[in-house]
N, C-alpha and C. Protein backbone atom coordinates (compact mmCIF):
# COMPACT_ATOMS: atom_id res chain seq x y z
N MET A 1 142.19 85.71 137.80
CA MET A 1 141.87 86.10 136.43
C MET A 1 140.37 85.95 136.21
N THR A 2 139.75 86.98 135.66
CA THR A 2 138.32 86.96 135.37
C THR A 2 138.10 86.50 133.94
N VAL A 3 137.13 85.63 133.78
CA VAL A 3 136.78 85.15 132.45
C VAL A 3 136.05 86.27 131.71
N GLU A 4 136.44 86.55 130.47
CA GLU A 4 135.79 87.57 129.66
C GLU A 4 134.36 87.13 129.35
N LYS A 5 133.42 88.06 129.50
CA LYS A 5 132.02 87.74 129.30
C LYS A 5 131.36 88.78 128.41
N THR A 6 130.32 88.37 127.74
CA THR A 6 129.48 89.25 126.96
C THR A 6 128.05 88.93 127.31
N SER A 7 127.20 89.94 127.42
CA SER A 7 125.81 89.67 127.72
C SER A 7 124.94 89.97 126.51
N VAL A 8 123.82 89.32 126.46
CA VAL A 8 122.85 89.54 125.39
C VAL A 8 121.46 89.37 125.99
N LEU A 9 120.58 90.27 125.66
CA LEU A 9 119.19 90.16 126.06
C LEU A 9 118.50 89.22 125.07
N VAL A 10 117.78 88.23 125.57
CA VAL A 10 117.09 87.26 124.73
C VAL A 10 115.59 87.47 124.89
N LEU A 11 114.91 87.67 123.77
CA LEU A 11 113.46 87.81 123.76
C LEU A 11 112.85 86.54 123.20
N ASP A 12 111.85 86.01 123.89
CA ASP A 12 111.13 84.84 123.40
C ASP A 12 109.98 85.31 122.51
N CYS A 13 109.64 84.48 121.53
CA CYS A 13 108.50 84.79 120.66
C CYS A 13 108.13 83.53 119.88
N ALA A 14 107.06 83.61 119.11
CA ALA A 14 106.61 82.47 118.31
C ALA A 14 107.37 82.38 116.98
N GLU A 15 107.73 83.52 116.40
CA GLU A 15 108.38 83.56 115.08
C GLU A 15 109.67 84.37 115.15
N PRO A 16 110.82 83.73 115.43
CA PRO A 16 112.06 84.46 115.62
C PRO A 16 112.53 85.30 114.44
N MET A 17 112.37 84.82 113.22
CA MET A 17 112.85 85.60 112.08
C MET A 17 112.05 86.89 111.89
N GLU A 18 110.75 86.83 112.09
CA GLU A 18 109.93 88.04 111.95
C GLU A 18 110.35 89.10 112.98
N LEU A 19 110.55 88.68 114.23
CA LEU A 19 110.95 89.63 115.26
C LEU A 19 112.39 90.09 115.04
N ALA A 20 113.25 89.20 114.57
CA ALA A 20 114.64 89.58 114.27
C ALA A 20 114.66 90.64 113.16
N GLU A 21 113.84 90.49 112.15
CA GLU A 21 113.78 91.48 111.07
C GLU A 21 113.31 92.83 111.59
N PHE A 22 112.33 92.82 112.51
CA PHE A 22 111.87 94.07 113.11
C PHE A 22 113.02 94.77 113.81
N TYR A 23 113.72 94.08 114.72
CA TYR A 23 114.80 94.73 115.48
C TYR A 23 116.02 95.05 114.61
N ALA A 24 116.32 94.23 113.64
CA ALA A 24 117.44 94.55 112.74
C ALA A 24 117.14 95.84 111.97
N GLY A 25 115.90 96.00 111.53
CA GLY A 25 115.52 97.22 110.83
C GLY A 25 115.52 98.42 111.76
N LEU A 26 115.01 98.26 112.97
CA LEU A 26 114.92 99.35 113.92
C LEU A 26 116.30 99.80 114.39
N LEU A 27 117.21 98.85 114.61
CA LEU A 27 118.53 99.15 115.16
C LEU A 27 119.62 99.24 114.10
N ASP A 28 119.25 99.14 112.83
CA ASP A 28 120.22 99.15 111.74
C ASP A 28 121.32 98.13 112.02
N ALA A 29 120.90 96.92 112.26
CA ALA A 29 121.80 95.84 112.66
C ALA A 29 121.67 94.67 111.70
N GLU A 30 122.54 93.69 111.87
CA GLU A 30 122.48 92.51 111.01
C GLU A 30 121.95 91.31 111.79
N ILE A 31 121.33 90.41 111.06
CA ILE A 31 120.81 89.17 111.64
C ILE A 31 121.84 88.08 111.45
N ARG A 32 122.13 87.36 112.52
CA ARG A 32 123.05 86.22 112.45
C ARG A 32 122.32 84.96 112.87
N ILE A 33 122.34 83.97 111.98
CA ILE A 33 121.68 82.71 112.25
C ILE A 33 122.75 81.65 112.42
N GLY A 34 122.72 80.96 113.55
CA GLY A 34 123.70 79.91 113.81
C GLY A 34 123.14 78.56 113.44
N SER A 35 123.59 77.54 114.13
CA SER A 35 123.16 76.18 113.82
C SER A 35 121.76 75.87 114.35
N ASP A 36 121.26 76.67 115.30
CA ASP A 36 119.92 76.46 115.85
C ASP A 36 118.97 77.47 115.22
N PRO A 37 118.06 77.04 114.34
CA PRO A 37 117.17 77.98 113.67
C PRO A 37 116.17 78.65 114.62
N ASP A 38 116.04 78.15 115.83
CA ASP A 38 115.14 78.74 116.81
C ASP A 38 115.81 79.81 117.66
N PHE A 39 117.07 80.15 117.35
CA PHE A 39 117.82 81.16 118.09
C PHE A 39 118.54 82.05 117.09
N VAL A 40 118.16 83.32 117.05
CA VAL A 40 118.70 84.26 116.07
C VAL A 40 119.30 85.44 116.83
N GLU A 41 120.46 85.91 116.38
CA GLU A 41 121.09 87.06 117.02
C GLU A 41 120.99 88.29 116.14
N ILE A 42 120.88 89.44 116.80
CA ILE A 42 120.90 90.74 116.14
C ILE A 42 122.18 91.42 116.64
N VAL A 43 123.05 91.83 115.72
CA VAL A 43 124.32 92.46 116.08
C VAL A 43 124.44 93.75 115.28
N GLY A 44 124.72 94.84 115.99
CA GLY A 44 124.81 96.12 115.32
C GLY A 44 125.94 96.97 115.84
N ASN A 45 125.96 98.19 115.36
CA ASN A 45 127.02 99.11 115.76
C ASN A 45 126.86 99.49 117.22
N ASP A 46 127.87 100.09 117.77
CA ASP A 46 127.87 100.53 119.17
C ASP A 46 127.60 99.40 120.15
N GLY A 47 127.93 98.18 119.79
CA GLY A 47 127.82 97.07 120.73
C GLY A 47 126.43 96.49 120.91
N VAL A 48 125.50 96.80 120.03
CA VAL A 48 124.14 96.26 120.15
C VAL A 48 124.19 94.75 119.97
N ARG A 49 123.65 94.03 120.94
CA ARG A 49 123.51 92.57 120.85
C ARG A 49 122.16 92.22 121.42
N LEU A 50 121.38 91.51 120.64
CA LEU A 50 120.06 91.09 121.04
C LEU A 50 119.84 89.72 120.43
N ALA A 51 119.13 88.86 121.10
CA ALA A 51 118.84 87.54 120.53
C ALA A 51 117.34 87.28 120.62
N ILE A 52 116.87 86.48 119.69
CA ILE A 52 115.46 86.11 119.62
C ILE A 52 115.40 84.59 119.66
N ARG A 53 114.55 84.06 120.54
CA ARG A 53 114.45 82.60 120.71
C ARG A 53 113.00 82.17 120.54
N ARG A 54 112.81 81.09 119.76
CA ARG A 54 111.46 80.55 119.56
C ARG A 54 111.00 79.84 120.83
N ASP A 55 109.79 80.20 121.26
CA ASP A 55 109.12 79.51 122.36
C ASP A 55 107.82 78.99 121.76
N HIS A 56 107.71 77.68 121.65
CA HIS A 56 106.55 77.08 120.98
C HIS A 56 105.24 77.33 121.72
N GLY A 57 105.32 77.66 123.01
CA GLY A 57 104.12 77.97 123.78
C GLY A 57 104.02 79.45 124.12
N TYR A 58 104.61 80.30 123.30
CA TYR A 58 104.72 81.72 123.60
C TYR A 58 103.37 82.41 123.73
N ALA A 59 103.23 83.21 124.79
CA ALA A 59 102.09 84.11 124.97
C ALA A 59 102.67 85.50 125.20
N PRO A 60 102.22 86.50 124.46
CA PRO A 60 102.80 87.84 124.60
C PRO A 60 102.59 88.42 126.00
N PRO A 61 103.51 89.27 126.43
CA PRO A 61 103.33 89.94 127.72
C PRO A 61 102.06 90.80 127.67
N SER A 62 101.50 91.06 128.82
CA SER A 62 100.27 91.86 128.85
C SER A 62 100.48 93.18 129.58
N TRP A 63 101.68 93.73 129.48
CA TRP A 63 101.97 95.02 130.09
C TRP A 63 101.26 96.11 129.31
N PRO A 64 100.77 97.15 129.84
CA PRO A 64 100.77 97.45 131.27
C PRO A 64 99.51 96.92 131.95
N ARG A 65 99.71 96.29 133.07
CA ARG A 65 98.60 95.84 133.91
C ARG A 65 98.81 96.46 135.29
N PRO A 66 97.77 97.01 135.87
CA PRO A 66 97.95 97.66 137.17
C PRO A 66 98.30 96.70 138.29
N GLU A 67 97.95 95.43 138.18
CA GLU A 67 98.18 94.50 139.28
C GLU A 67 99.61 93.96 139.36
N ASP A 68 100.42 94.16 138.36
CA ASP A 68 101.82 93.74 138.46
C ASP A 68 102.71 94.71 137.69
N SER A 69 103.97 94.62 137.92
CA SER A 69 104.88 95.58 137.30
C SER A 69 105.53 94.99 136.07
N GLN A 70 106.02 95.87 135.24
CA GLN A 70 106.79 95.45 134.06
C GLN A 70 108.08 94.81 134.55
N GLN A 71 108.45 93.67 134.01
CA GLN A 71 109.63 92.97 134.48
C GLN A 71 110.89 93.38 133.74
N ALA A 72 110.79 93.66 132.47
CA ALA A 72 111.96 94.07 131.69
C ALA A 72 111.48 94.70 130.40
N HIS A 73 112.29 95.60 129.87
CA HIS A 73 112.02 96.13 128.55
C HIS A 73 113.33 96.64 127.96
N LEU A 74 113.33 96.81 126.67
CA LEU A 74 114.50 97.30 125.96
C LEU A 74 114.35 98.81 125.81
N ARG A 75 115.38 99.57 126.21
CA ARG A 75 115.38 101.03 126.04
C ARG A 75 116.35 101.35 124.91
N ILE A 76 115.85 102.02 123.89
CA ILE A 76 116.66 102.39 122.74
C ILE A 76 116.90 103.89 122.82
N LEU A 77 118.17 104.28 122.88
CA LEU A 77 118.54 105.67 123.08
C LEU A 77 118.74 106.37 121.74
N VAL A 78 118.17 107.57 121.61
CA VAL A 78 118.30 108.37 120.40
C VAL A 78 118.54 109.83 120.78
N GLY A 79 119.09 110.60 119.87
CA GLY A 79 119.27 112.03 120.09
C GLY A 79 117.93 112.74 120.11
N ARG A 80 117.84 113.82 120.87
CA ARG A 80 116.58 114.57 120.97
C ARG A 80 116.04 114.95 119.59
N GLU A 81 116.93 115.33 118.69
CA GLU A 81 116.50 115.75 117.35
C GLU A 81 116.03 114.59 116.49
N ASP A 82 116.27 113.35 116.93
CA ASP A 82 115.92 112.17 116.13
C ASP A 82 114.73 111.39 116.65
N ILE A 83 114.15 111.78 117.79
CA ILE A 83 113.13 110.92 118.39
C ILE A 83 111.86 110.80 117.53
N ASP A 84 111.45 111.88 116.87
CA ASP A 84 110.25 111.78 116.02
C ASP A 84 110.50 110.85 114.84
N GLU A 85 111.67 110.94 114.23
CA GLU A 85 112.00 110.05 113.11
C GLU A 85 112.13 108.61 113.58
N ALA A 86 112.73 108.39 114.76
CA ALA A 86 112.85 107.04 115.31
C ALA A 86 111.47 106.45 115.57
N GLU A 87 110.55 107.28 116.04
CA GLU A 87 109.18 106.82 116.26
C GLU A 87 108.53 106.40 114.93
N ARG A 88 108.70 107.21 113.90
CA ARG A 88 108.14 106.86 112.58
C ARG A 88 108.73 105.54 112.08
N GLU A 89 110.04 105.35 112.26
CA GLU A 89 110.67 104.09 111.84
C GLU A 89 110.08 102.91 112.61
N ALA A 90 109.98 103.04 113.93
CA ALA A 90 109.47 101.94 114.76
C ALA A 90 108.05 101.56 114.35
N ILE A 91 107.19 102.54 114.19
CA ILE A 91 105.80 102.26 113.82
C ILE A 91 105.73 101.70 112.40
N GLY A 92 106.56 102.22 111.50
CA GLY A 92 106.61 101.70 110.14
C GLY A 92 107.04 100.24 110.07
N LEU A 93 107.85 99.82 111.04
CA LEU A 93 108.30 98.43 111.09
C LEU A 93 107.33 97.52 111.82
N GLY A 94 106.30 98.08 112.45
CA GLY A 94 105.29 97.25 113.10
C GLY A 94 105.13 97.46 114.60
N ALA A 95 105.80 98.43 115.19
CA ALA A 95 105.63 98.71 116.62
C ALA A 95 104.26 99.34 116.87
N ARG A 96 103.73 99.12 118.08
CA ARG A 96 102.47 99.73 118.49
C ARG A 96 102.71 100.61 119.71
N PRO A 97 102.28 101.86 119.71
CA PRO A 97 102.39 102.69 120.92
C PRO A 97 101.54 102.08 122.04
N VAL A 98 102.08 102.01 123.25
CA VAL A 98 101.30 101.47 124.38
C VAL A 98 101.17 102.48 125.51
N ASP A 99 101.95 103.53 125.52
CA ASP A 99 101.87 104.54 126.57
C ASP A 99 101.65 105.87 125.89
N THR A 100 100.41 106.10 125.44
CA THR A 100 100.18 107.26 124.62
C THR A 100 99.77 108.50 125.39
N GLY A 101 99.19 108.36 126.57
CA GLY A 101 98.71 109.54 127.27
C GLY A 101 97.84 110.34 126.32
N ASP A 102 98.09 111.63 126.20
CA ASP A 102 97.35 112.43 125.23
C ASP A 102 97.89 112.20 123.83
N SER A 103 99.19 111.95 123.74
CA SER A 103 99.84 111.75 122.45
C SER A 103 101.18 111.07 122.69
N ASN A 104 101.59 110.19 121.80
CA ASN A 104 102.89 109.52 121.95
C ASN A 104 103.93 110.20 121.09
N SER A 105 103.67 111.43 120.67
CA SER A 105 104.67 112.15 119.89
C SER A 105 104.85 113.53 120.50
N GLY A 106 105.73 114.31 119.92
CA GLY A 106 105.98 115.64 120.44
C GLY A 106 107.20 115.66 121.35
N PRO A 107 107.20 116.55 122.33
CA PRO A 107 108.42 116.78 123.10
C PRO A 107 108.73 115.76 124.20
N ARG A 108 107.98 114.70 124.33
CA ARG A 108 108.24 113.73 125.40
C ARG A 108 109.61 113.09 125.25
N ASP A 109 110.31 112.89 126.38
CA ASP A 109 111.65 112.32 126.37
C ASP A 109 111.66 110.80 126.28
N VAL A 110 110.57 110.12 126.67
CA VAL A 110 110.49 108.66 126.61
C VAL A 110 109.14 108.29 126.00
N ARG A 111 109.17 107.40 125.02
CA ARG A 111 107.96 106.91 124.36
C ARG A 111 107.98 105.39 124.38
N VAL A 112 106.86 104.78 124.77
CA VAL A 112 106.80 103.34 124.99
C VAL A 112 105.95 102.66 123.92
N TYR A 113 106.44 101.50 123.46
CA TYR A 113 105.80 100.74 122.38
C TYR A 113 105.81 99.25 122.71
N ALA A 114 105.06 98.49 121.92
CA ALA A 114 105.16 97.04 121.92
C ALA A 114 105.71 96.63 120.57
N ASP A 115 106.65 95.68 120.56
CA ASP A 115 107.16 95.16 119.30
C ASP A 115 106.12 94.23 118.69
N PRO A 116 106.34 93.70 117.48
CA PRO A 116 105.32 92.84 116.86
C PRO A 116 104.96 91.59 117.67
N ALA A 117 105.84 91.15 118.59
CA ALA A 117 105.52 89.98 119.41
C ALA A 117 104.96 90.38 120.77
N GLY A 118 104.81 91.68 121.03
CA GLY A 118 104.20 92.15 122.27
C GLY A 118 105.15 92.59 123.36
N HIS A 119 106.48 92.48 123.18
CA HIS A 119 107.43 92.94 124.18
C HIS A 119 107.45 94.46 124.22
N SER A 120 107.54 95.03 125.42
CA SER A 120 107.60 96.48 125.48
C SER A 120 109.03 96.96 125.27
N PHE A 121 109.14 98.12 124.63
CA PHE A 121 110.42 98.79 124.49
C PHE A 121 110.15 100.28 124.47
N SER A 122 111.18 101.05 124.72
CA SER A 122 111.00 102.50 124.70
C SER A 122 112.06 103.16 123.84
N LEU A 123 111.68 104.28 123.28
CA LEU A 123 112.62 105.18 122.65
C LEU A 123 112.83 106.30 123.66
N ALA A 124 114.07 106.60 123.98
CA ALA A 124 114.37 107.61 125.00
C ALA A 124 115.42 108.57 124.50
N VAL A 125 115.26 109.84 124.83
CA VAL A 125 116.22 110.86 124.46
C VAL A 125 117.52 110.64 125.21
N TYR A 126 118.62 110.72 124.46
CA TYR A 126 119.95 110.57 125.06
C TYR A 126 120.88 111.61 124.46
N PRO A 127 121.67 112.29 125.22
CA PRO A 127 121.73 112.16 126.68
C PRO A 127 120.57 112.89 127.32
N LEU A 128 120.24 112.46 128.54
CA LEU A 128 119.17 113.10 129.27
C LEU A 128 119.59 114.50 129.66
N PRO A 129 118.63 115.42 129.75
CA PRO A 129 118.97 116.78 130.14
C PRO A 129 119.57 116.81 131.54
N GLN A 130 120.56 117.67 131.73
CA GLN A 130 121.18 117.82 133.06
C GLN A 130 120.27 118.70 133.90
N GLY A 131 119.98 118.24 135.13
CA GLY A 131 119.06 119.01 135.94
C GLY A 131 119.51 119.25 137.32
């Protein structure tokens, strides 16, 4: 018999409630606070589960750096017709574009940002075109 499991991505930061509010707004999810005020969960529709944990010595990631690779990021899937609106929402909530090339808007299928604590995430068209 296999034990039932659930996974959750945990992001470290200096201010968990501020980052939780960003992701709850971006993902249209709710914030759940348990007995530990330094650990906050974001729970939304379609099985979205994300947690934010306070790290008192937190230093933001410095991606992209050419000397090392990105270790992890959150990919948020949206319909092709919704990517421009999703980008406006993300930036309105405090995201910063980090992979702009000539422009971080328009017909691109993947757009990369940093959240308010510096973690990278992307908005990506879903489903991907069949090729």
